[in-house]
Amino acid sequence: MKITENNVVQQIQNKNEKAIPFIINQYGGLLTAIIKHHLNYHQQDYEECLDDVLLSIWNNIHSFDPEKNSFKQWIAAIAKYKAIDYQRRQIIIQNQQFSVADINESMLKTKQSIETKSVEELLEQLSASERKIFEKYYLDGTPSSEIAKGFNAKESWVYNKLSRGRKKLKKFLIQKNEV
């Protein structure tokens, strides 16, 4: 039997493997565009994601409801959410590159060189307000709520300043090849 747009769902439900090449030929461009949009054109992840999309279509065809949307819309949604899952995985992998264990290990290696540099040199990389917040929070041990009151600001502002300051210091240390 020839597979068409009208019977592709039925063919997949009947587990006709010829439906997969039909989906690739008919909807491959759409699936590719959706996946590559979310995965920033990483070829290996794209190929794996496309395989997962096709497998999801094959395994979950029973959940397709033609009254809710068309087959094309349904597979586009599967592609979108699979690509988002892969995108999250990429982010996790990138964040693991700077995991706490790695940072602690690299800090141990460079402990001597960091110790020779004064804290003042590091704090010079920060703006005046960031520096004052860093000194109070990290050196004096002042609670963030008290720091916020001293600056007449919200506590979230203090955390924001601390986060931005840590990013600046990390960037500085990376540029100096110390982390």
C-alpha atoms as a PDB file:
ATOM      1  CA  MET A   1       0.000   0.000   0.000  1.00  0.00           C
ATOM      2  CA  LYS A   2       1.238   3.463  -0.908  1.00  0.00           C
ATOM      3  CA  ILE A   3       1.768   5.783   2.057  1.00  0.00           C
ATOM      4  CA  THR A   4       0.194   9.232   1.793  1.00  0.00           C
ATOM      5  CA  GLU A   5      -0.474  12.133   4.116  1.00  0.00           C
ATOM      6  CA  ASN A   6      -3.970  10.760   4.621  1.00  0.00           C
ATOM      7  CA  ASN A   7      -2.892   7.291   5.751  1.00  0.00           C
ATOM      8  CA  VAL A   8       0.528   7.860   7.341  1.00  0.00           C
ATOM      9  CA  VAL A   9      -0.902   7.786  10.880  1.00  0.00           C
ATOM     10  CA  GLN A  10      -2.671   4.504  10.187  1.00  0.00           C
ATOM     11  CA  GLN A  11       0.501   3.048   8.670  1.00  0.00           C
ATOM     12  CA  ILE A  12       2.530   3.978  11.746  1.00  0.00           C
ATOM     13  CA  GLN A  13      -0.142   2.497  13.995  1.00  0.00           C
ATOM     14  CA  ASN A  14       0.119  -0.695  11.915  1.00  0.00           C
ATOM     15  CA  LYS A  15       3.921  -0.521  12.455  1.00  0.00           C
ATOM     16  CA  ASN A  16       4.651  -0.226   8.732  1.00  0.00           C
ATOM     17  CA  GLU A  17       8.334   0.753   8.703  1.00  0.00           C
ATOM     18  CA  LYS A  18       7.937   2.385   5.278  1.00  0.00           C
ATOM     19  CA  ALA A  19       6.117   5.231   7.037  1.00  0.00           C
ATOM     20  CA  ILE A  20       9.395   6.507   8.538  1.00  0.00           C
ATOM     21  CA  PRO A  21      11.043   7.305   5.164  1.00  0.00           C
ATOM     22  CA  PHE A  22       7.760   8.948   4.132  1.00  0.00           C
ATOM     23  CA  ILE A  23       7.866  11.184   7.232  1.00  0.00           C
ATOM     24  CA  ILE A  24      11.483  12.080   6.530  1.00  0.00           C
ATOM     25  CA  ASN A  25      10.738  12.912   2.885  1.00  0.00           C
ATOM     26  CA  GLN A  26       7.507  14.751   3.587  1.00  0.00           C
ATOM     27  CA  TYR A  27       8.320  16.555   6.840  1.00  0.00           C
ATOM     28  CA  GLY A  28      12.124  16.364   7.077  1.00  0.00           C
ATOM     29  CA  GLY A  29      12.632  20.044   6.248  1.00  0.00           C
ATOM     30  CA  LEU A  30      10.188  21.132   8.930  1.00  0.00           C
ATOM     31  CA  LEU A  31      11.726  18.840  11.550  1.00  0.00           C
ATOM     32  CA  THR A  32      15.246  19.942  10.589  1.00  0.00           C
ATOM     33  CA  ALA A  33      14.380  23.634  10.851  1.00  0.00           C
ATOM     34  CA  ILE A  34      12.768  23.215  14.270  1.00  0.00           C
ATOM     35  CA  ILE A  35      15.579  21.103  15.702  1.00  0.00           C
ATOM     36  CA  LYS A  36      18.419  23.216  14.319  1.00  0.00           C
ATOM     37  CA  HIS A  37      16.743  26.389  15.576  1.00  0.00           C
ATOM     38  CA  HIS A  38      16.945  25.105  19.156  1.00  0.00           C
ATOM     39  CA  LEU A  39      20.280  23.297  18.924  1.00  0.00           C
ATOM     40  CA  ASN A  40      22.280  26.089  17.291  1.00  0.00           C
ATOM     41  CA  TYR A  41      23.273  23.839  14.408  1.00  0.00           C
ATOM     42  CA  HIS A  42      25.250  21.259  16.431  1.00  0.00           C
ATOM     43  CA  GLN A  43      25.301  18.454  13.851  1.00  0.00           C
ATOM     44  CA  GLN A  44      25.771  15.504  16.214  1.00  0.00           C
ATOM     45  CA  ASP A  45      23.023  16.649  18.570  1.00  0.00           C
ATOM     46  CA  TYR A  46      20.782  17.405  15.597  1.00  0.00           C
ATOM     47  CA  GLU A  47      21.135  13.873  14.239  1.00  0.00           C
ATOM     48  CA  GLU A  48      20.514  12.281  17.642  1.00  0.00           C
ATOM     49  CA  CYS A  49      17.533  14.543  18.252  1.00  0.00           C
ATOM     50  CA  LEU A  50      16.004  13.761  14.855  1.00  0.00           C
ATOM     51  CA  ASP A  51      16.360  10.053  15.593  1.00  0.00           C
ATOM     52  CA  ASP A  52      14.656  10.575  18.956  1.00  0.00           C
ATOM     53  CA  VAL A  53      11.862  12.552  17.301  1.00  0.00           C
ATOM     54  CA  LEU A  54      11.216   9.760  14.805  1.00  0.00           C
ATOM     55  CA  LEU A  55      11.311   7.180  17.587  1.00  0.00           C
ATOM     56  CA  SER A  56       8.866   9.249  19.653  1.00  0.00           C
ATOM     57  CA  ILE A  57       6.504   9.527  16.723  1.00  0.00           C
ATOM     58  CA  TRP A  58       6.729   5.765  16.229  1.00  0.00           C
ATOM     59  CA  ASN A  59       6.257   4.899  19.915  1.00  0.00           C
ATOM     60  CA  ASN A  60       3.628   7.523  20.761  1.00  0.00           C
ATOM     61  CA  ILE A  61       1.412   7.465  17.691  1.00  0.00           C
ATOM     62  CA  HIS A  62      -1.434   6.227  19.908  1.00  0.00           C
ATOM     63  CA  SER A  63      -1.520   9.643  21.615  1.00  0.00           C
ATOM     64  CA  PHE A  64      -2.061  11.518  18.328  1.00  0.00           C
ATOM     65  CA  ASP A  65      -5.534  13.043  18.237  1.00  0.00           C
ATOM     66  CA  PRO A  66      -6.602  14.414  14.829  1.00  0.00           C
ATOM     67  CA  GLU A  67      -9.331  16.464  16.496  1.00  0.00           C
ATOM     68  CA  LYS A  68      -6.774  18.470  18.489  1.00  0.00           C
ATOM     69  CA  ASN A  69      -4.324  19.220  15.677  1.00  0.00           C
ATOM     70  CA  SER A  70      -2.954  17.980  12.386  1.00  0.00           C
ATOM     71  CA  PHE A  71      -0.270  15.306  12.120  1.00  0.00           C
ATOM     72  CA  LYS A  72       2.161  17.947  10.876  1.00  0.00           C
ATOM     73  CA  GLN A  73       1.530  20.121  13.940  1.00  0.00           C
ATOM     74  CA  TRP A  74       1.816  17.121  16.235  1.00  0.00           C
ATOM     75  CA  ILE A  75       5.214  16.033  14.910  1.00  0.00           C
ATOM     76  CA  ALA A  76       6.399  19.659  14.917  1.00  0.00           C
ATOM     77  CA  ALA A  77       5.536  19.863  18.622  1.00  0.00           C
ATOM     78  CA  ILE A  78       7.413  16.622  19.309  1.00  0.00           C
ATOM     79  CA  ALA A  79      10.442  18.006  17.449  1.00  0.00           C
ATOM     80  CA  LYS A  80      10.286  21.262  19.380  1.00  0.00           C
ATOM     81  CA  TYR A  81      10.132  19.650  22.802  1.00  0.00           C
ATOM     82  CA  LYS A  82      12.792  17.046  21.995  1.00  0.00           C
ATOM     83  CA  ALA A  83      15.074  19.830  20.744  1.00  0.00           C
ATOM     84  CA  ILE A  84      14.451  21.803  23.935  1.00  0.00           C
ATOM     85  CA  ASP A  85      15.377  18.702  25.951  1.00  0.00           C
ATOM     86  CA  TYR A  86      18.611  18.413  23.975  1.00  0.00           C
ATOM     87  CA  GLN A  87      19.249  22.133  24.453  1.00  0.00           C
ATOM     88  CA  ARG A  88      18.868  21.695  28.219  1.00  0.00           C
ATOM     89  CA  ARG A  89      21.298  18.799  28.062  1.00  0.00           C
ATOM     90  CA  GLN A  90      23.813  21.010  26.239  1.00  0.00           C
ATOM     91  CA  ILE A  91      23.472  23.645  28.947  1.00  0.00           C
ATOM     92  CA  ILE A  92      23.978  21.061  31.692  1.00  0.00           C
ATOM     93  CA  ILE A  93      27.075  19.725  29.940  1.00  0.00           C
ATOM     94  CA  GLN A  94      28.486  23.233  29.555  1.00  0.00           C
ATOM     95  CA  ASN A  95      27.789  24.006  33.212  1.00  0.00           C
ATOM     96  CA  GLN A  96      29.436  20.772  34.295  1.00  0.00           C
ATOM     97  CA  GLN A  97      32.619  21.978  32.693  1.00  0.00           C
ATOM     98  CA  PHE A  98      32.802  24.436  35.562  1.00  0.00           C
ATOM     99  CA  SER A  99      31.359  22.191  38.250  1.00  0.00           C
ATOM    100  CA  VAL A 100      32.234  22.745  41.872  1.00  0.00           C
ATOM    101  CA  ALA A 101      34.606  19.767  41.893  1.00  0.00           C
ATOM    102  CA  ASP A 102      36.502  21.110  38.895  1.00  0.00           C
ATOM    103  CA  ILE A 103      36.701  24.590  40.334  1.00  0.00           C
ATOM    104  CA  ASN A 104      37.859  23.270  43.712  1.00  0.00           C
ATOM    105  CA  GLU A 105      40.487  21.090  42.022  1.00  0.00           C
ATOM    106  CA  SER A 106      41.777  23.943  39.898  1.00  0.00           C
ATOM    107  CA  MET A 107      41.778  26.236  42.918  1.00  0.00           C
ATOM    108  CA  LEU A 108      43.943  23.754  44.815  1.00  0.00           C
ATOM    109  CA  LYS A 109      46.408  23.742  41.928  1.00  0.00           C
ATOM    110  CA  THR A 110      46.591  27.504  41.836  1.00  0.00           C
ATOM    111  CA  LYS A 111      46.256  28.129  45.546  1.00  0.00           C
ATOM    112  CA  GLN A 112      49.858  29.247  45.890  1.00  0.00           C
ATOM    113  CA  SER A 113      49.575  31.794  43.075  1.00  0.00           C
ATOM    114  CA  ILE A 114      46.272  33.138  44.388  1.00  0.00           C
ATOM    115  CA  GLU A 115      47.688  33.406  47.893  1.00  0.00           C
ATOM    116  CA  THR A 116      50.559  35.521  46.573  1.00  0.00           C
ATOM    117  CA  LYS A 117      48.098  37.925  45.042  1.00  0.00           C
ATOM    118  CA  SER A 118      46.398  40.102  47.530  1.00  0.00           C
ATOM    119  CA  VAL A 119      42.665  40.155  47.941  1.00  0.00           C
ATOM    120  CA  GLU A 120      42.922  43.840  47.157  1.00  0.00           C
ATOM    121  CA  GLU A 121      44.165  43.124  43.649  1.00  0.00           C
ATOM    122  CA  LEU A 122      41.160  40.939  42.990  1.00  0.00           C
ATOM    123  CA  LEU A 123      38.738  43.429  44.484  1.00  0.00           C
ATOM    124  CA  GLU A 124      40.187  46.192  42.285  1.00  0.00           C
ATOM    125  CA  GLN A 125      38.363  44.486  39.394  1.00  0.00           C
ATOM    126  CA  LEU A 126      35.004  45.400  40.956  1.00  0.00           C
ATOM    127  CA  SER A 127      33.104  48.663  40.991  1.00  0.00           C
ATOM    128  CA  ALA A 128      33.060  50.617  44.246  1.00  0.00           C
ATOM    129  CA  SER A 129      29.614  49.375  45.299  1.00  0.00           C
ATOM    130  CA  GLU A 130      30.401  45.774  44.354  1.00  0.00           C
ATOM    131  CA  ARG A 131      33.660  45.972  46.252  1.00  0.00           C
ATOM    132  CA  LYS A 132      31.956  47.302  49.389  1.00  0.00           C
ATOM    133  CA  ILE A 133      29.293  44.585  49.171  1.00  0.00           C
ATOM    134  CA  PHE A 134      31.953  41.884  48.654  1.00  0.00           C
ATOM    135  CA  GLU A 135      33.988  43.089  51.610  1.00  0.00           C
ATOM    136  CA  LYS A 136      30.968  43.201  53.909  1.00  0.00           C
ATOM    137  CA  TYR A 137      29.530  39.871  52.786  1.00  0.00           C
ATOM    138  CA  TYR A 138      32.636  37.730  52.295  1.00  0.00           C
ATOM    139  CA  LEU A 139      35.272  39.350  54.513  1.00  0.00           C
ATOM    140  CA  ASP A 140      33.186  40.752  57.364  1.00  0.00           C
ATOM    141  CA  GLY A 141      30.437  38.098  57.247  1.00  0.00           C
ATOM    142  CA  THR A 142      27.645  40.670  57.257  1.00  0.00           C
ATOM    143  CA  PRO A 143      24.244  39.140  56.397  1.00  0.00           C
ATOM    144  CA  SER A 144      22.808  40.149  53.030  1.00  0.00           C
ATOM    145  CA  SER A 145      19.711  41.638  54.678  1.00  0.00           C
ATOM    146  CA  GLU A 146      21.881  44.089  56.645  1.00  0.00           C
ATOM    147  CA  ILE A 147      23.877  45.003  53.547  1.00  0.00           C
ATOM    148  CA  ALA A 148      20.618  45.667  51.700  1.00  0.00           C
ATOM    149  CA  LYS A 149      19.431  47.964  54.501  1.00  0.00           C
ATOM    150  CA  GLY A 150      22.755  49.826  54.426  1.00  0.00           C
ATOM    151  CA  PHE A 151      22.347  50.481  50.699  1.00  0.00           C
ATOM    152  CA  ASN A 152      18.620  51.146  51.043  1.00  0.00           C
ATOM    153  CA  ALA A 153      17.976  48.363  48.531  1.00  0.00           C
ATOM    154  CA  LYS A 154      16.327  44.980  48.297  1.00  0.00           C
ATOM    155  CA  GLU A 155      18.153  41.844  49.344  1.00  0.00           C
ATOM    156  CA  SER A 156      17.812  40.518  45.777  1.00  0.00           C
ATOM    157  CA  TRP A 157      19.867  43.521  44.613  1.00  0.00           C
ATOM    158  CA  VAL A 158      22.686  42.443  46.944  1.00  0.00           C
ATOM    159  CA  TYR A 159      22.605  38.907  45.559  1.00  0.00           C
ATOM    160  CA  ASN A 160      22.599  40.329  42.046  1.00  0.00           C
ATOM    161  CA  LYS A 161      25.676  42.451  42.812  1.00  0.00           C
ATOM    162  CA  LEU A 162      27.440  39.457  44.397  1.00  0.00           C
ATOM    163  CA  SER A 163      26.661  37.281  41.385  1.00  0.00           C
ATOM    164  CA  ARG A 164      27.882  39.864  38.895  1.00  0.00           C
ATOM    165  CA  GLY A 165      30.991  40.441  40.979  1.00  0.00           C
ATOM    166  CA  ARG A 166      31.806  36.736  41.079  1.00  0.00           C
ATOM    167  CA  LYS A 167      31.423  36.599  37.295  1.00  0.00           C
ATOM    168  CA  LYS A 168      33.820  39.522  36.903  1.00  0.00           C
ATOM    169  CA  LEU A 169      36.363  37.900  39.201  1.00  0.00           C
ATOM    170  CA  LYS A 170      36.030  34.561  37.436  1.00  0.00           C
ATOM    171  CA  LYS A 171      36.557  36.245  34.077  1.00  0.00           C
ATOM    172  CA  PHE A 172      39.580  38.088  35.461  1.00  0.00           C
ATOM    173  CA  LEU A 173      41.083  34.882  36.844  1.00  0.00           C
ATOM    174  CA  ILE A 174      40.451  33.029  33.579  1.00  0.00           C
ATOM    175  CA  GLN A 175      42.157  35.811  31.644  1.00  0.00           C
ATOM    176  CA  LYS A 176      45.104  35.507  34.005  1.00  0.00           C
ATOM    177  CA  ASN A 177      45.031  31.694  33.453  1.00  0.00           C
ATOM    178  CA  GLU A 178      44.555  31.013  37.114  1.00  0.00           C
ATOM    179  CA  VAL A 179      41.309  29.062  37.053  1.00  0.00           C
END
